[in-house]
Amino acid sequence: MPLKGDRLPGEDMFQRRLNRAPSPVLATIIPWVSIALISLAPLSPIIASAPVLPPLGFMLLIAWRLFRPGMLPIWAGAPLGLIDDLFSGQPLGSAVLLWSLTMIGLEALDSWQRWRSFWQDWAVAIVLIWVYLTIGHMFAVMAGAIWYPSLILPQLLISILSFPLFTRLVAILDVLRRARVKVLG
């Protein structure tokens, strides 16, 4: 007899039921929509004298790619980076380039190192976020901003500390992605 505490939350969503099946539409669009929606975060009414908001869209892209490697194709970095470029205030094309290079780099990492632990994923994410913030700052300097490298330290620190929350968010969204919905017909 199984104990009551042996069940995972949301486990009953995957049991067989009549007229229920996973939706291929939900399974496909949830990663794309979640990254695009969180890229709209710079539109929030938070006013700061320096950039302290971490690159949320980029962090969610990395979390999806590390959590579900085959979910997003390699070319997904370009359209999602374009959405981020339109709302982040960075020079147009910087996120397209950096997100595409990130997807290519993560694909190369997956082909080289098949199995990783959470700590290794976290270390990979820290390095990618640090490189993204540094090169993004260089793009902003080329567009006319002032070179001030310590400006990215608060963003980097917040990103490092909050990345496990993004992996948890991706796990919750993955449960929603695999949920069984009513099938008509």
C-alpha atoms as a PDB file:
ATOM      1  CA  MET A   1       0.000   0.000   0.000  1.00  0.00           C
ATOM      2  CA  PRO A   2       1.570   3.298  -1.035  1.00  0.00           C
ATOM      3  CA  LEU A   3       1.868   5.986   1.544  1.00  0.00           C
ATOM      4  CA  LYS A   4       0.112   9.296   1.048  1.00  0.00           C
ATOM      5  CA  GLY A   5       3.419  11.197   0.953  1.00  0.00           C
ATOM      6  CA  ASP A   6       4.812   9.043  -1.892  1.00  0.00           C
ATOM      7  CA  ARG A   7       2.944  10.984  -4.587  1.00  0.00           C
ATOM      8  CA  LEU A   8       4.375  13.972  -6.347  1.00  0.00           C
ATOM      9  CA  PRO A   9       2.336  17.154  -6.712  1.00  0.00           C
ATOM     10  CA  GLY A  10       0.578  17.175 -10.051  1.00  0.00           C
ATOM     11  CA  GLU A  11       1.191  13.461 -10.611  1.00  0.00           C
ATOM     12  CA  ASP A  12      -2.498  12.778 -11.178  1.00  0.00           C
ATOM     13  CA  MET A  13      -2.377  14.942 -14.316  1.00  0.00           C
ATOM     14  CA  PHE A  14      -0.503  12.146 -16.110  1.00  0.00           C
ATOM     15  CA  GLN A  15      -2.758   9.205 -15.262  1.00  0.00           C
ATOM     16  CA  ARG A  16      -4.858   7.678 -18.002  1.00  0.00           C
ATOM     17  CA  ARG A  17      -8.314   9.127 -18.346  1.00  0.00           C
ATOM     18  CA  LEU A  18     -10.922   8.917 -21.031  1.00  0.00           C
ATOM     19  CA  ASN A  19     -10.745  11.702 -23.620  1.00  0.00           C
ATOM     20  CA  ARG A  20      -7.475  13.085 -22.169  1.00  0.00           C
ATOM     21  CA  ALA A  21      -4.142  13.381 -23.942  1.00  0.00           C
ATOM     22  CA  PRO A  22      -1.144  15.705 -23.873  1.00  0.00           C
ATOM     23  CA  SER A  23      -1.651  18.653 -26.177  1.00  0.00           C
ATOM     24  CA  PRO A  24       1.005  18.958 -28.897  1.00  0.00           C
ATOM     25  CA  VAL A  25       0.224  22.680 -29.146  1.00  0.00           C
ATOM     26  CA  LEU A  26       0.914  23.255 -25.428  1.00  0.00           C
ATOM     27  CA  ALA A  27       4.005  21.075 -25.609  1.00  0.00           C
ATOM     28  CA  THR A  28       5.383  23.209 -28.417  1.00  0.00           C
ATOM     29  CA  ILE A  29       4.462  26.775 -27.468  1.00  0.00           C
ATOM     30  CA  ILE A  30       5.006  26.895 -23.695  1.00  0.00           C
ATOM     31  CA  PRO A  31       8.824  27.267 -23.881  1.00  0.00           C
ATOM     32  CA  TRP A  32       8.580  29.881 -26.645  1.00  0.00           C
ATOM     33  CA  VAL A  33       5.818  31.914 -24.996  1.00  0.00           C
ATOM     34  CA  SER A  34       7.391  31.786 -21.525  1.00  0.00           C
ATOM     35  CA  ILE A  35      10.722  33.129 -22.836  1.00  0.00           C
ATOM     36  CA  ALA A  36       9.001  35.806 -24.931  1.00  0.00           C
ATOM     37  CA  LEU A  37       6.796  36.942 -22.025  1.00  0.00           C
ATOM     38  CA  ILE A  38       9.628  37.167 -19.524  1.00  0.00           C
ATOM     39  CA  SER A  39      11.610  39.190 -22.088  1.00  0.00           C
ATOM     40  CA  LEU A  40       8.942  41.870 -21.638  1.00  0.00           C
ATOM     41  CA  ALA A  41      10.095  42.450 -18.027  1.00  0.00           C
ATOM     42  CA  PRO A  42      11.970  45.680 -18.893  1.00  0.00           C
ATOM     43  CA  LEU A  43       8.544  47.218 -19.559  1.00  0.00           C
ATOM     44  CA  SER A  44       7.711  46.950 -15.856  1.00  0.00           C
ATOM     45  CA  PRO A  45       7.430  50.242 -13.966  1.00  0.00           C
ATOM     46  CA  ILE A  46      10.623  49.690 -11.949  1.00  0.00           C
ATOM     47  CA  ILE A  47      12.839  52.776 -12.013  1.00  0.00           C
ATOM     48  CA  ALA A  48      16.525  52.377 -11.162  1.00  0.00           C
ATOM     49  CA  SER A  49      19.533  54.601 -11.708  1.00  0.00           C
ATOM     50  CA  ALA A  50      21.594  51.635 -12.894  1.00  0.00           C
ATOM     51  CA  PRO A  51      20.657  48.353 -14.573  1.00  0.00           C
ATOM     52  CA  VAL A  52      20.002  45.864 -11.786  1.00  0.00           C
ATOM     53  CA  LEU A  53      17.429  43.647 -13.500  1.00  0.00           C
ATOM     54  CA  PRO A  54      19.175  40.491 -14.690  1.00  0.00           C
ATOM     55  CA  PRO A  55      18.657  39.272 -18.261  1.00  0.00           C
ATOM     56  CA  LEU A  56      15.518  37.297 -17.428  1.00  0.00           C
ATOM     57  CA  GLY A  57      14.769  36.101 -20.966  1.00  0.00           C
ATOM     58  CA  PHE A  58      18.324  34.893 -21.456  1.00  0.00           C
ATOM     59  CA  MET A  59      18.288  33.107 -18.103  1.00  0.00           C
ATOM     60  CA  LEU A  60      15.021  31.348 -18.964  1.00  0.00           C
ATOM     61  CA  LEU A  61      16.415  30.367 -22.380  1.00  0.00           C
ATOM     62  CA  ILE A  62      19.430  28.784 -20.677  1.00  0.00           C
ATOM     63  CA  ALA A  63      17.220  27.082 -18.093  1.00  0.00           C
ATOM     64  CA  TRP A  64      14.946  25.586 -20.787  1.00  0.00           C
ATOM     65  CA  ARG A  65      17.951  24.479 -22.849  1.00  0.00           C
ATOM     66  CA  LEU A  66      19.699  22.842 -19.881  1.00  0.00           C
ATOM     67  CA  PHE A  67      16.509  21.283 -18.464  1.00  0.00           C
ATOM     68  CA  ARG A  68      15.084  19.990 -21.765  1.00  0.00           C
ATOM     69  CA  PRO A  69      17.942  19.896 -24.308  1.00  0.00           C
ATOM     70  CA  GLY A  70      15.868  18.895 -27.335  1.00  0.00           C
ATOM     71  CA  MET A  71      12.935  21.195 -26.671  1.00  0.00           C
ATOM     72  CA  LEU A  72      14.174  24.293 -28.502  1.00  0.00           C
ATOM     73  CA  PRO A  73      15.955  24.028 -31.863  1.00  0.00           C
ATOM     74  CA  ILE A  74      19.360  25.643 -32.330  1.00  0.00           C
ATOM     75  CA  TRP A  75      17.893  28.458 -34.421  1.00  0.00           C
ATOM     76  CA  ALA A  76      15.501  29.459 -31.599  1.00  0.00           C
ATOM     77  CA  GLY A  77      18.066  31.944 -30.297  1.00  0.00           C
ATOM     78  CA  ALA A  78      17.557  34.272 -33.259  1.00  0.00           C
ATOM     79  CA  PRO A  79      13.784  34.971 -33.040  1.00  0.00           C
ATOM     80  CA  LEU A  80      13.736  34.933 -29.245  1.00  0.00           C
ATOM     81  CA  GLY A  81      16.776  37.225 -29.171  1.00  0.00           C
ATOM     82  CA  LEU A  82      15.004  39.596 -31.557  1.00  0.00           C
ATOM     83  CA  ILE A  83      12.027  39.786 -29.181  1.00  0.00           C
ATOM     84  CA  ASP A  84      14.418  40.514 -26.313  1.00  0.00           C
ATOM     85  CA  ASP A  85      16.252  43.154 -28.357  1.00  0.00           C
ATOM     86  CA  LEU A  86      13.018  44.979 -29.099  1.00  0.00           C
ATOM     87  CA  PHE A  87      12.192  45.436 -25.407  1.00  0.00           C
ATOM     88  CA  SER A  88      15.523  45.395 -23.531  1.00  0.00           C
ATOM     89  CA  GLY A  89      17.042  48.647 -24.770  1.00  0.00           C
ATOM     90  CA  GLN A  90      20.196  46.952 -26.009  1.00  0.00           C
ATOM     91  CA  PRO A  91      21.392  47.718 -29.557  1.00  0.00           C
ATOM     92  CA  LEU A  92      19.293  45.829 -32.091  1.00  0.00           C
ATOM     93  CA  GLY A  93      20.931  42.548 -33.024  1.00  0.00           C
ATOM     94  CA  SER A  94      23.037  42.073 -29.907  1.00  0.00           C
ATOM     95  CA  ALA A  95      20.720  39.519 -28.293  1.00  0.00           C
ATOM     96  CA  VAL A  96      20.095  37.850 -31.655  1.00  0.00           C
ATOM     97  CA  LEU A  97      23.820  37.232 -32.016  1.00  0.00           C
ATOM     98  CA  LEU A  98      24.515  36.333 -28.386  1.00  0.00           C
ATOM     99  CA  TRP A  99      21.472  34.071 -27.962  1.00  0.00           C
ATOM    100  CA  SER A 100      22.283  32.258 -31.218  1.00  0.00           C
ATOM    101  CA  LEU A 101      25.899  31.750 -30.142  1.00  0.00           C
ATOM    102  CA  THR A 102      24.667  30.514 -26.758  1.00  0.00           C
ATOM    103  CA  MET A 103      22.406  27.929 -28.383  1.00  0.00           C
ATOM    104  CA  ILE A 104      25.261  26.750 -30.605  1.00  0.00           C
ATOM    105  CA  GLY A 105      27.609  26.583 -27.609  1.00  0.00           C
ATOM    106  CA  LEU A 106      25.109  24.629 -25.514  1.00  0.00           C
ATOM    107  CA  GLU A 107      24.574  22.211 -28.401  1.00  0.00           C
ATOM    108  CA  ALA A 108      28.338  21.684 -28.617  1.00  0.00           C
ATOM    109  CA  LEU A 109      28.479  21.186 -24.843  1.00  0.00           C
ATOM    110  CA  ASP A 110      25.711  18.581 -25.032  1.00  0.00           C
ATOM    111  CA  SER A 111      27.512  16.653 -27.740  1.00  0.00           C
ATOM    112  CA  TRP A 112      30.742  16.747 -25.743  1.00  0.00           C
ATOM    113  CA  GLN A 113      29.393  16.115 -22.239  1.00  0.00           C
ATOM    114  CA  ARG A 114      26.210  14.076 -22.271  1.00  0.00           C
ATOM    115  CA  TRP A 115      25.414  13.919 -18.528  1.00  0.00           C
ATOM    116  CA  ARG A 116      25.700  16.824 -16.125  1.00  0.00           C
ATOM    117  CA  SER A 117      24.635  17.479 -12.553  1.00  0.00           C
ATOM    118  CA  PHE A 118      22.726  20.489 -11.281  1.00  0.00           C
ATOM    119  CA  TRP A 119      25.951  22.070 -10.051  1.00  0.00           C
ATOM    120  CA  GLN A 120      27.575  21.750 -13.452  1.00  0.00           C
ATOM    121  CA  ASP A 121      24.492  23.255 -15.107  1.00  0.00           C
ATOM    122  CA  TRP A 122      24.605  26.115 -12.627  1.00  0.00           C
ATOM    123  CA  ALA A 123      28.316  26.702 -13.364  1.00  0.00           C
ATOM    124  CA  VAL A 124      27.632  26.666 -17.116  1.00  0.00           C
ATOM    125  CA  ALA A 125      24.791  29.156 -16.621  1.00  0.00           C
ATOM    126  CA  ILE A 126      26.995  31.453 -14.501  1.00  0.00           C
ATOM    127  CA  VAL A 127      29.700  31.527 -17.178  1.00  0.00           C
ATOM    128  CA  LEU A 128      27.179  32.121 -19.977  1.00  0.00           C
ATOM    129  CA  ILE A 129      25.414  34.915 -18.084  1.00  0.00           C
ATOM    130  CA  TRP A 130      28.715  36.584 -17.204  1.00  0.00           C
ATOM    131  CA  VAL A 131      29.863  36.461 -20.842  1.00  0.00           C
ATOM    132  CA  TYR A 132      26.442  37.702 -22.015  1.00  0.00           C
ATOM    133  CA  LEU A 133      26.452  40.663 -19.626  1.00  0.00           C
ATOM    134  CA  THR A 134      30.055  41.577 -20.456  1.00  0.00           C
ATOM    135  CA  ILE A 135      29.611  41.439 -24.228  1.00  0.00           C
ATOM    136  CA  GLY A 136      26.230  43.167 -23.938  1.00  0.00           C
ATOM    137  CA  HIS A 137      27.948  45.989 -22.045  1.00  0.00           C
ATOM    138  CA  MET A 138      30.551  46.195 -24.810  1.00  0.00           C
ATOM    139  CA  PHE A 139      27.772  46.487 -27.409  1.00  0.00           C
ATOM    140  CA  ALA A 140      26.198  49.274 -25.369  1.00  0.00           C
ATOM    141  CA  VAL A 141      29.555  51.081 -25.196  1.00  0.00           C
ATOM    142  CA  MET A 142      29.889  50.827 -28.979  1.00  0.00           C
ATOM    143  CA  ALA A 143      26.410  52.379 -29.239  1.00  0.00           C
ATOM    144  CA  GLY A 144      27.441  55.367 -27.113  1.00  0.00           C
ATOM    145  CA  ALA A 145      27.241  54.335 -23.444  1.00  0.00           C
ATOM    146  CA  ILE A 146      30.047  54.926 -20.946  1.00  0.00           C
ATOM    147  CA  TRP A 147      32.491  52.074 -20.215  1.00  0.00           C
ATOM    148  CA  TYR A 148      31.798  51.128 -16.624  1.00  0.00           C
ATOM    149  CA  PRO A 149      32.430  47.371 -16.134  1.00  0.00           C
ATOM    150  CA  SER A 150      31.482  47.285 -12.440  1.00  0.00           C
ATOM    151  CA  LEU A 151      27.957  48.230 -13.518  1.00  0.00           C
ATOM    152  CA  ILE A 152      27.235  44.611 -14.401  1.00  0.00           C
ATOM    153  CA  LEU A 153      28.177  43.247 -10.950  1.00  0.00           C
ATOM    154  CA  PRO A 154      24.708  43.678  -9.368  1.00  0.00           C
ATOM    155  CA  GLN A 155      23.088  42.049 -12.390  1.00  0.00           C
ATOM    156  CA  LEU A 156      25.581  39.204 -12.282  1.00  0.00           C
ATOM    157  CA  LEU A 157      25.131  38.625  -8.550  1.00  0.00           C
ATOM    158  CA  ILE A 158      21.331  38.627  -8.803  1.00  0.00           C
ATOM    159  CA  SER A 159      21.556  36.300 -11.813  1.00  0.00           C
ATOM    160  CA  ILE A 160      23.817  33.836 -10.021  1.00  0.00           C
ATOM    161  CA  LEU A 161      21.597  33.705  -6.960  1.00  0.00           C
ATOM    162  CA  SER A 162      18.306  33.500  -8.847  1.00  0.00           C
ATOM    163  CA  PHE A 163      19.197  30.927 -11.516  1.00  0.00           C
ATOM    164  CA  PRO A 164      17.985  27.968  -9.383  1.00  0.00           C
ATOM    165  CA  LEU A 165      14.589  29.717  -9.214  1.00  0.00           C
ATOM    166  CA  PHE A 166      14.531  29.791 -13.005  1.00  0.00           C
ATOM    167  CA  THR A 167      15.239  26.069 -13.168  1.00  0.00           C
ATOM    168  CA  ARG A 168      12.342  25.526 -10.752  1.00  0.00           C
ATOM    169  CA  LEU A 169      10.113  27.735 -12.919  1.00  0.00           C
ATOM    170  CA  VAL A 170      11.058  25.670 -15.973  1.00  0.00           C
ATOM    171  CA  ALA A 171      10.228  22.471 -14.083  1.00  0.00           C
ATOM    172  CA  ILE A 172       6.780  23.854 -13.197  1.00  0.00           C
ATOM    173  CA  LEU A 173       6.192  25.000 -16.774  1.00  0.00           C
ATOM    174  CA  ASP A 174       7.290  21.565 -18.000  1.00  0.00           C
ATOM    175  CA  VAL A 175       4.593  19.941 -15.850  1.00  0.00           C
ATOM    176  CA  LEU A 176       2.075  22.309 -17.427  1.00  0.00           C
ATOM    177  CA  ARG A 177       3.474  21.511 -20.880  1.00  0.00           C
ATOM    178  CA  ARG A 178       2.895  17.775 -20.376  1.00  0.00           C
ATOM    179  CA  ALA A 179      -0.573  18.137 -18.824  1.00  0.00           C
ATOM    180  CA  ARG A 180      -3.399  16.089 -20.280  1.00  0.00           C
ATOM    181  CA  VAL A 181      -6.238  18.094 -21.758  1.00  0.00           C
ATOM    182  CA  LYS A 182      -9.641  17.035 -23.022  1.00  0.00           C
ATOM    183  CA  VAL A 183      -9.638  15.671 -26.557  1.00  0.00           C
ATOM    184  CA  LEU A 184     -12.639  16.497 -28.686  1.00  0.00           C
ATOM    185  CA  GLY A 185     -13.837  14.202 -31.437  1.00  0.00           C
END
